[in-house]
Structures are given as structure tokens and as C-alpha cells.
Amino acid sequence: MIDEDEILVDDGDPRRMARTLAMQFVYQLDVQKGHSLDVLEIFLEENCGEKKEISGIARKFILGTWKNLDMVDSLIKKACKNWDFSRLDCVDKSNLRLAAYQLLECTDIPPKVVINEAIELAKTYSSVQAPRFINGILDAIMKEIDIPA
């Protein structure tokens, strides 16, 4: 369960804060089957306020992930050997979707940074086993799309 006070921890890194918000909104989109996309601007205003850099990055990550959902999910499914995609924890699935989108489309972000940030999100918002699982899946995706380590 996500504590409201943990939604936006200002550690000075706008991308990290934007990733946290993006993962949370992608989770919300998944649970509500995309019906909450119309409240994206309200969500960003409530969580970013005047921090336009954070809201801009989060918006890009959210919309990019959702727009490329079929391709992202296909990569995750391929990488989830011996694991049924439909049984993935919703938080882990949202985290993986966001990271897979970044690996595919955000070439300005080094792949190691994408994976490390996804692992950090898993440590904060998921189970004890999640960081290792997230790392393995993202490593497999990186190899699948032929990104050098």
C-alpha cells in the first residue's frame, strides 16, 4: 500500500520523482483499464504543483508508456519465461512497463540508469523478491532489443 506521504519525496532528482509518479499513474491506468487518463493533468497538478520539470517528465513517461503498451507488454511477456504475465503483481507490472518504455524510447537515459531506477522503485513499493525479478526481466528485455550493457 502506498502511503500518501510517500507519493513525492523530494530528493532533488526530478527524473526520479517523475518516475515515481509515472509508475503510480501507470498502475492507476492498469487498474482502471485506461479510464483515468482524463485525470492525468489533475494528478500531476496535485503531485507536482509548480514543479513543471517534474510534471513534464512524468507526463512524457506516462503517455509514452500507455501509447506503446502493446509493444512494451510484448517485450515483458517474452522476458517472463516460466511466469504468466497475467499473474504479475500490478505494481511490478507498472514498474516493468515504465522501464521497458524507457529502454525502447528514451535513448537519452542510459539503460543501466533505467534498470537501477526500476530496482529502486521495486525496493520502495514492492516485495522483497521484486528487485531481483525486475532486474532479470529488464536485463532480458535489454538483450532482446539489443541494447549494449
C-alpha atoms as a PDB file:
ATOM      1  CA  MET A   1       0.000   0.000   0.000  1.00  0.00           C
ATOM      2  CA  ILE A   2       1.350   3.400  -0.989  1.00  0.00           C
ATOM      3  CA  ASP A   3       1.327   5.964   1.779  1.00  0.00           C
ATOM      4  CA  GLU A   4       0.157   9.396   0.581  1.00  0.00           C
ATOM      5  CA  ASP A   5       3.180  10.998   2.225  1.00  0.00           C
ATOM      6  CA  GLU A   6       5.463   8.813   0.072  1.00  0.00           C
ATOM      7  CA  ILE A   7       3.977   9.831  -3.262  1.00  0.00           C
ATOM      8  CA  LEU A   8       6.532  12.529  -3.922  1.00  0.00           C
ATOM      9  CA  VAL A   9       9.717  12.506  -1.918  1.00  0.00           C
ATOM     10  CA  ASP A  10      11.828  15.476  -2.950  1.00  0.00           C
ATOM     11  CA  ASP A  11      15.350  14.099  -3.122  1.00  0.00           C
ATOM     12  CA  GLY A  12      16.376  16.722  -5.660  1.00  0.00           C
ATOM     13  CA  ASP A  13      16.285  14.415  -8.682  1.00  0.00           C
ATOM     14  CA  PRO A  14      13.413  15.461 -10.978  1.00  0.00           C
ATOM     15  CA  ARG A  15      13.642  12.293 -13.091  1.00  0.00           C
ATOM     16  CA  ARG A  16      13.438  10.039 -10.039  1.00  0.00           C
ATOM     17  CA  MET A  17      10.408  11.915  -8.751  1.00  0.00           C
ATOM     18  CA  ALA A  18       8.828  11.839 -12.220  1.00  0.00           C
ATOM     19  CA  ARG A  19       9.431   8.057 -12.469  1.00  0.00           C
ATOM     20  CA  THR A  20       7.727   7.516  -9.132  1.00  0.00           C
ATOM     21  CA  LEU A  21       4.681   9.499 -10.222  1.00  0.00           C
ATOM     22  CA  ALA A  22       4.662   7.843 -13.639  1.00  0.00           C
ATOM     23  CA  MET A  23       4.747   4.349 -12.143  1.00  0.00           C
ATOM     24  CA  GLN A  24       1.883   5.241  -9.830  1.00  0.00           C
ATOM     25  CA  PHE A  25      -0.239   6.637 -12.646  1.00  0.00           C
ATOM     26  CA  VAL A  26       0.532   3.727 -14.987  1.00  0.00           C
ATOM     27  CA  TYR A  27      -0.613   1.484 -12.123  1.00  0.00           C
ATOM     28  CA  GLN A  28      -3.824   3.506 -11.879  1.00  0.00           C
ATOM     29  CA  LEU A  29      -4.356   3.232 -15.651  1.00  0.00           C
ATOM     30  CA  ASP A  30      -3.890  -0.534 -15.490  1.00  0.00           C
ATOM     31  CA  VAL A  31      -6.331  -0.997 -12.632  1.00  0.00           C
ATOM     32  CA  GLN A  32      -8.915   1.285 -14.246  1.00  0.00           C
ATOM     33  CA  LYS A  33      -8.342  -0.066 -17.780  1.00  0.00           C
ATOM     34  CA  GLY A  34      -7.203   3.342 -19.072  1.00  0.00           C
ATOM     35  CA  HIS A  35     -10.288   5.214 -17.908  1.00  0.00           C
ATOM     36  CA  SER A  36      -8.333   7.510 -15.607  1.00  0.00           C
ATOM     37  CA  LEU A  37      -6.240   9.057 -18.387  1.00  0.00           C
ATOM     38  CA  ASP A  38      -8.591  12.034 -18.396  1.00  0.00           C
ATOM     39  CA  VAL A  39      -7.465  12.951 -14.856  1.00  0.00           C
ATOM     40  CA  LEU A  40      -3.746  12.955 -15.695  1.00  0.00           C
ATOM     41  CA  GLU A  41      -3.432  16.743 -15.512  1.00  0.00           C
ATOM     42  CA  ILE A  42      -5.207  16.860 -12.149  1.00  0.00           C
ATOM     43  CA  PHE A  43      -2.914  14.110 -10.834  1.00  0.00           C
ATOM     44  CA  LEU A  44       0.180  15.993 -11.997  1.00  0.00           C
ATOM     45  CA  GLU A  45      -1.047  19.312 -10.601  1.00  0.00           C
ATOM     46  CA  GLU A  46      -1.819  17.743  -7.218  1.00  0.00           C
ATOM     47  CA  ASN A  47       1.561  15.993  -7.021  1.00  0.00           C
ATOM     48  CA  CYS A  48       3.895  18.425  -8.776  1.00  0.00           C
ATOM     49  CA  GLY A  49       2.364  21.843  -8.264  1.00  0.00           C
ATOM     50  CA  GLU A  50       4.801  24.390  -9.641  1.00  0.00           C
ATOM     51  CA  LYS A  51       7.473  21.801 -10.434  1.00  0.00           C
ATOM     52  CA  LYS A  52       6.936  21.927 -14.198  1.00  0.00           C
ATOM     53  CA  GLU A  53      10.084  19.943 -14.999  1.00  0.00           C
ATOM     54  CA  ILE A  54       8.822  17.009 -12.948  1.00  0.00           C
ATOM     55  CA  SER A  55       5.317  17.128 -14.387  1.00  0.00           C
ATOM     56  CA  GLY A  56       6.703  17.354 -17.940  1.00  0.00           C
ATOM     57  CA  ILE A  57       8.923  14.316 -17.498  1.00  0.00           C
ATOM     58  CA  ALA A  58       6.176  12.343 -15.730  1.00  0.00           C
ATOM     59  CA  ARG A  59       3.656  13.220 -18.480  1.00  0.00           C
ATOM     60  CA  LYS A  60       6.122  12.055 -21.167  1.00  0.00           C
ATOM     61  CA  PHE A  61       6.760   8.770 -19.338  1.00  0.00           C
ATOM     62  CA  ILE A  62       3.064   8.108 -18.666  1.00  0.00           C
ATOM     63  CA  LEU A  63       1.764   8.917 -22.137  1.00  0.00           C
ATOM     64  CA  GLY A  64       4.687   7.172 -23.842  1.00  0.00           C
ATOM     65  CA  THR A  65       4.229   4.026 -21.787  1.00  0.00           C
ATOM     66  CA  TRP A  66       0.483   3.927 -22.357  1.00  0.00           C
ATOM     67  CA  LYS A  67       0.762   4.694 -26.089  1.00  0.00           C
ATOM     68  CA  ASN A  68       3.308   1.888 -26.540  1.00  0.00           C
ATOM     69  CA  LEU A  69       1.590  -0.544 -24.169  1.00  0.00           C
ATOM     70  CA  ASP A  70       1.164  -3.392 -26.667  1.00  0.00           C
ATOM     71  CA  MET A  71       4.832  -3.316 -27.670  1.00  0.00           C
ATOM     72  CA  VAL A  72       6.003  -2.935 -24.049  1.00  0.00           C
ATOM     73  CA  ASP A  73       3.782  -5.781 -22.838  1.00  0.00           C
ATOM     74  CA  SER A  74       5.008  -7.995 -25.661  1.00  0.00           C
ATOM     75  CA  LEU A  75       8.615  -7.463 -24.557  1.00  0.00           C
ATOM     76  CA  ILE A  76       7.746  -8.168 -20.935  1.00  0.00           C
ATOM     77  CA  LYS A  77       5.853 -11.343 -21.863  1.00  0.00           C
ATOM     78  CA  LYS A  78       8.828 -12.626 -23.870  1.00  0.00           C
ATOM     79  CA  ALA A  79      11.159 -11.931 -20.961  1.00  0.00           C
ATOM     80  CA  CYS A  80       8.875 -13.586 -18.386  1.00  0.00           C
ATOM     81  CA  LYS A  81       9.933 -17.120 -19.068  1.00  0.00           C
ATOM     82  CA  ASN A  82       8.080 -19.594 -16.841  1.00  0.00           C
ATOM     83  CA  TRP A  83       5.878 -16.826 -15.469  1.00  0.00           C
ATOM     84  CA  ASP A  84       2.342 -15.955 -16.548  1.00  0.00           C
ATOM     85  CA  PHE A  85       2.096 -12.248 -17.422  1.00  0.00           C
ATOM     86  CA  SER A  86      -1.456 -12.054 -16.082  1.00  0.00           C
ATOM     87  CA  ARG A  87      -0.187 -13.154 -12.660  1.00  0.00           C
ATOM     88  CA  LEU A  88       2.333 -10.335 -12.342  1.00  0.00           C
ATOM     89  CA  ASP A  89       1.822  -8.069  -9.370  1.00  0.00           C
ATOM     90  CA  CYS A  90       0.227  -4.813 -10.609  1.00  0.00           C
ATOM     91  CA  VAL A  91       2.964  -2.664  -9.062  1.00  0.00           C
ATOM     92  CA  ASP A  92       5.694  -4.777 -10.648  1.00  0.00           C
ATOM     93  CA  LYS A  93       3.882  -4.762 -13.979  1.00  0.00           C
ATOM     94  CA  SER A  94       3.599  -0.963 -13.897  1.00  0.00           C
ATOM     95  CA  ASN A  95       7.256  -0.629 -12.981  1.00  0.00           C
ATOM     96  CA  LEU A  96       8.290  -3.013 -15.781  1.00  0.00           C
ATOM     97  CA  ARG A  97       6.085  -1.226 -18.310  1.00  0.00           C
ATOM     98  CA  LEU A  98       7.596   2.138 -17.467  1.00  0.00           C
ATOM     99  CA  ALA A  99      11.159   0.818 -17.595  1.00  0.00           C
ATOM    100  CA  ALA A 100      10.598  -1.124 -20.830  1.00  0.00           C
ATOM    101  CA  TYR A 101       9.204   2.024 -22.447  1.00  0.00           C
ATOM    102  CA  GLN A 102      12.265   3.976 -21.313  1.00  0.00           C
ATOM    103  CA  LEU A 103      14.622   1.317 -22.668  1.00  0.00           C
ATOM    104  CA  LEU A 104      12.831   1.451 -26.017  1.00  0.00           C
ATOM    105  CA  GLU A 105      12.179   5.132 -26.486  1.00  0.00           C
ATOM    106  CA  CYS A 106      14.243   7.242 -24.072  1.00  0.00           C
ATOM    107  CA  THR A 107      17.643   6.849 -25.643  1.00  0.00           C
ATOM    108  CA  ASP A 108      18.940   9.848 -23.690  1.00  0.00           C
ATOM    109  CA  ILE A 109      18.724   7.770 -20.493  1.00  0.00           C
ATOM    110  CA  PRO A 110      21.457   5.132 -20.108  1.00  0.00           C
ATOM    111  CA  PRO A 111      19.983   1.611 -19.831  1.00  0.00           C
ATOM    112  CA  LYS A 112      21.801   0.995 -16.535  1.00  0.00           C
ATOM    113  CA  VAL A 113      20.086   4.069 -15.077  1.00  0.00           C
ATOM    114  CA  VAL A 114      16.661   2.852 -16.253  1.00  0.00           C
ATOM    115  CA  ILE A 115      17.226  -0.552 -14.664  1.00  0.00           C
ATOM    116  CA  ASN A 116      18.670   0.861 -11.448  1.00  0.00           C
ATOM    117  CA  GLU A 117      15.734   3.247 -11.049  1.00  0.00           C
ATOM    118  CA  ALA A 118      13.255   0.404 -11.633  1.00  0.00           C
ATOM    119  CA  ILE A 119      15.035  -1.653  -8.973  1.00  0.00           C
ATOM    120  CA  GLU A 120      14.853   1.283  -6.553  1.00  0.00           C
ATOM    121  CA  LEU A 121      11.118   1.654  -7.216  1.00  0.00           C
ATOM    122  CA  ALA A 122      10.692  -2.076  -6.558  1.00  0.00           C
ATOM    123  CA  LYS A 123      12.573  -1.767  -3.255  1.00  0.00           C
ATOM    124  CA  THR A 124      10.243   1.037  -2.170  1.00  0.00           C
ATOM    125  CA  TYR A 125       6.879  -0.155  -3.480  1.00  0.00           C
ATOM    126  CA  SER A 126       7.019  -3.918  -3.897  1.00  0.00           C
ATOM    127  CA  SER A 127       8.037  -7.168  -2.242  1.00  0.00           C
ATOM    128  CA  VAL A 128      11.468  -8.255  -1.064  1.00  0.00           C
ATOM    129  CA  GLN A 129      11.833 -10.525  -4.125  1.00  0.00           C
ATOM    130  CA  ALA A 130      10.764  -7.856  -6.627  1.00  0.00           C
ATOM    131  CA  PRO A 131      14.109  -6.061  -7.176  1.00  0.00           C
ATOM    132  CA  ARG A 132      15.821  -9.273  -8.346  1.00  0.00           C
ATOM    133  CA  PHE A 133      12.822 -10.178 -10.532  1.00  0.00           C
ATOM    134  CA  ILE A 134      12.668  -6.671 -12.073  1.00  0.00           C
ATOM    135  CA  ASN A 135      16.420  -6.746 -12.734  1.00  0.00           C
ATOM    136  CA  GLY A 136      16.208 -10.117 -14.500  1.00  0.00           C
ATOM    137  CA  ILE A 137      13.254  -9.149 -16.685  1.00  0.00           C
ATOM    138  CA  LEU A 138      14.762  -5.810 -17.700  1.00  0.00           C
ATOM    139  CA  ASP A 139      18.109  -7.425 -18.446  1.00  0.00           C
ATOM    140  CA  ALA A 140      16.334  -9.898 -20.751  1.00  0.00           C
ATOM    141  CA  ILE A 141      14.448  -7.035 -22.439  1.00  0.00           C
ATOM    142  CA  MET A 142      17.690  -5.141 -22.928  1.00  0.00           C
ATOM    143  CA  LYS A 143      19.177  -8.169 -24.671  1.00  0.00           C
ATOM    144  CA  GLU A 144      16.011  -8.689 -26.736  1.00  0.00           C
ATOM    145  CA  ILE A 145      16.089  -5.162 -28.126  1.00  0.00           C
ATOM    146  CA  ASP A 146      19.878  -5.400 -28.486  1.00  0.00           C
ATOM    147  CA  ILE A 147      20.938  -2.549 -26.241  1.00  0.00           C
ATOM    148  CA  PRO A 148      24.590  -2.799 -25.210  1.00  0.00           C
ATOM    149  CA  ALA A 149      25.039  -3.081 -21.448  1.00  0.00           C
END
